Amino acid sequence: MPSLDFVYDLVEKFEEDNIEYLVLTLRQGNTEDKVDVFFNINSESEDAFIASVDKIKDVVKNTKGKNVSPKKKRRKKKE
């Protein structure tokens, strides 16, 4: 199975920058597949986190696992 060094580096950087995150990796193996989940969520963000995970499940089901380009939101101009 592939190394997760990059993922560990990414998670470490999120921690250093005090960023809440959810990182999920899927690794296909010869005899079994593995899923690794890393997250750091503040208790105040729990409801948004759970709603986001539910939305992600719906998106994956509706796209049948195919990658979809997310629609980018435009930033509001500062006045």
C-alpha atoms as a PDB file:
ATOM      1  CA  MET A   1       0.000   0.000   0.000  1.00  0.00           C
ATOM      2  CA  PRO A   2       1.150   3.548  -0.663  1.00  0.00           C
ATOM      3  CA  SER A   3       2.769   5.692   2.007  1.00  0.00           C
ATOM      4  CA  LEU A   4       0.685   8.257   3.851  1.00  0.00           C
ATOM      5  CA  ASP A   5       3.632  10.586   4.481  1.00  0.00           C
ATOM      6  CA  PHE A   6       2.067  13.367   2.403  1.00  0.00           C
ATOM      7  CA  VAL A   7      -1.211  13.047   4.327  1.00  0.00           C
ATOM      8  CA  TYR A   8       0.603  13.177   7.670  1.00  0.00           C
ATOM      9  CA  ASP A   9       2.468  16.306   6.509  1.00  0.00           C
ATOM     10  CA  LEU A  10      -0.805  17.905   5.433  1.00  0.00           C
ATOM     11  CA  VAL A  11      -2.519  17.086   8.734  1.00  0.00           C
ATOM     12  CA  GLU A  12       0.474  18.403  10.666  1.00  0.00           C
ATOM     13  CA  LYS A  13       0.304  21.686   8.742  1.00  0.00           C
ATOM     14  CA  PHE A  14      -3.421  21.994   9.448  1.00  0.00           C
ATOM     15  CA  GLU A  15      -2.678  21.496  13.159  1.00  0.00           C
ATOM     16  CA  GLU A  16       0.098  24.112  13.109  1.00  0.00           C
ATOM     17  CA  ASP A  17      -2.208  26.630  11.422  1.00  0.00           C
ATOM     18  CA  ASN A  18      -5.108  25.784  13.756  1.00  0.00           C
ATOM     19  CA  ILE A  19      -7.343  24.756  10.837  1.00  0.00           C
ATOM     20  CA  GLU A  20     -10.304  22.466  11.360  1.00  0.00           C
ATOM     21  CA  TYR A  21     -10.173  19.622   8.870  1.00  0.00           C
ATOM     22  CA  LEU A  22     -11.424  16.288   7.630  1.00  0.00           C
ATOM     23  CA  VAL A  23      -9.047  14.215   5.506  1.00  0.00           C
ATOM     24  CA  LEU A  24     -10.154  10.851   4.181  1.00  0.00           C
ATOM     25  CA  THR A  25      -7.909   8.574   2.158  1.00  0.00           C
ATOM     26  CA  LEU A  26      -8.798   5.355   0.355  1.00  0.00           C
ATOM     27  CA  ARG A  27      -6.063   2.808  -0.304  1.00  0.00           C
ATOM     28  CA  GLN A  28      -6.636  -0.263  -2.431  1.00  0.00           C
ATOM     29  CA  GLY A  29      -4.779  -3.338  -1.281  1.00  0.00           C
ATOM     30  CA  ASN A  30      -4.241  -6.808  -2.677  1.00  0.00           C
ATOM     31  CA  THR A  31      -6.441  -8.506  -0.100  1.00  0.00           C
ATOM     32  CA  GLU A  32      -8.354  -5.592   1.434  1.00  0.00           C
ATOM     33  CA  ASP A  33      -8.922  -1.887   0.964  1.00  0.00           C
ATOM     34  CA  LYS A  34      -8.256   0.590   3.757  1.00  0.00           C
ATOM     35  CA  VAL A  35      -9.774   3.912   4.676  1.00  0.00           C
ATOM     36  CA  ASP A  36      -7.888   6.361   6.856  1.00  0.00           C
ATOM     37  CA  VAL A  37      -9.704   9.306   8.411  1.00  0.00           C
ATOM     38  CA  PHE A  38      -8.068  12.254  10.112  1.00  0.00           C
ATOM     39  CA  PHE A  39     -10.062  15.108  11.572  1.00  0.00           C
ATOM     40  CA  ASN A  40      -9.899  17.961  14.014  1.00  0.00           C
ATOM     41  CA  ILE A  41     -13.197  19.676  14.662  1.00  0.00           C
ATOM     42  CA  ASN A  42     -14.070  22.113  17.439  1.00  0.00           C
ATOM     43  CA  SER A  43     -17.212  21.327  19.396  1.00  0.00           C
ATOM     44  CA  GLU A  44     -18.807  24.537  18.079  1.00  0.00           C
ATOM     45  CA  SER A  45     -18.410  23.218  14.532  1.00  0.00           C
ATOM     46  CA  GLU A  46     -19.835  19.736  15.153  1.00  0.00           C
ATOM     47  CA  ASP A  47     -23.256  20.404  13.625  1.00  0.00           C
ATOM     48  CA  ALA A  48     -21.739  21.912  10.466  1.00  0.00           C
ATOM     49  CA  PHE A  49     -19.279  19.007  10.288  1.00  0.00           C
ATOM     50  CA  ILE A  50     -22.040  16.384  10.499  1.00  0.00           C
ATOM     51  CA  ALA A  51     -24.193  18.233   7.941  1.00  0.00           C
ATOM     52  CA  SER A  52     -21.194  18.444   5.602  1.00  0.00           C
ATOM     53  CA  VAL A  53     -20.476  14.717   5.883  1.00  0.00           C
ATOM     54  CA  ASP A  54     -24.141  13.970   5.127  1.00  0.00           C
ATOM     55  CA  LYS A  55     -23.986  16.252   2.073  1.00  0.00           C
ATOM     56  CA  ILE A  56     -20.773  14.566   0.884  1.00  0.00           C
ATOM     57  CA  LYS A  57     -22.484  11.163   1.148  1.00  0.00           C
ATOM     58  CA  ASP A  58     -25.343  12.431  -1.020  1.00  0.00           C
ATOM     59  CA  VAL A  59     -22.968  13.875  -3.621  1.00  0.00           C
ATOM     60  CA  VAL A  60     -20.974  10.635  -3.840  1.00  0.00           C
ATOM     61  CA  LYS A  61     -24.140   8.547  -4.175  1.00  0.00           C
ATOM     62  CA  ASN A  62     -25.587  10.830  -6.854  1.00  0.00           C
ATOM     63  CA  THR A  63     -22.390  10.943  -8.905  1.00  0.00           C
ATOM     64  CA  LYS A  64     -21.741   7.219  -8.515  1.00  0.00           C
ATOM     65  CA  GLY A  65     -18.226   7.925  -7.245  1.00  0.00           C
ATOM     66  CA  LYS A  66     -17.101   9.899 -10.284  1.00  0.00           C
ATOM     67  CA  ASN A  67     -15.129  13.054  -9.625  1.00  0.00           C
ATOM     68  CA  VAL A  68     -17.153  16.185 -10.117  1.00  0.00           C
ATOM     69  CA  SER A  69     -15.741  19.675 -10.439  1.00  0.00           C
ATOM     70  CA  PRO A  70     -17.190  21.761  -7.628  1.00  0.00           C
ATOM     71  CA  LYS A  71     -18.790  25.049  -8.503  1.00  0.00           C
ATOM     72  CA  LYS A  72     -16.581  27.816  -7.229  1.00  0.00           C
ATOM     73  CA  LYS A  73     -18.228  30.576  -5.254  1.00  0.00           C
ATOM     74  CA  ARG A  74     -17.187  34.043  -6.216  1.00  0.00           C
ATOM     75  CA  ARG A  75     -15.651  36.149  -3.522  1.00  0.00           C
ATOM     76  CA  LYS A  76     -17.363  39.378  -2.675  1.00  0.00           C
ATOM     77  CA  LYS A  77     -15.332  42.446  -3.434  1.00  0.00           C
ATOM     78  CA  LYS A  78     -14.180  44.406  -0.443  1.00  0.00           C
ATOM     79  CA  GLU A  79     -15.481  47.914  -0.385  1.00  0.00           C
END
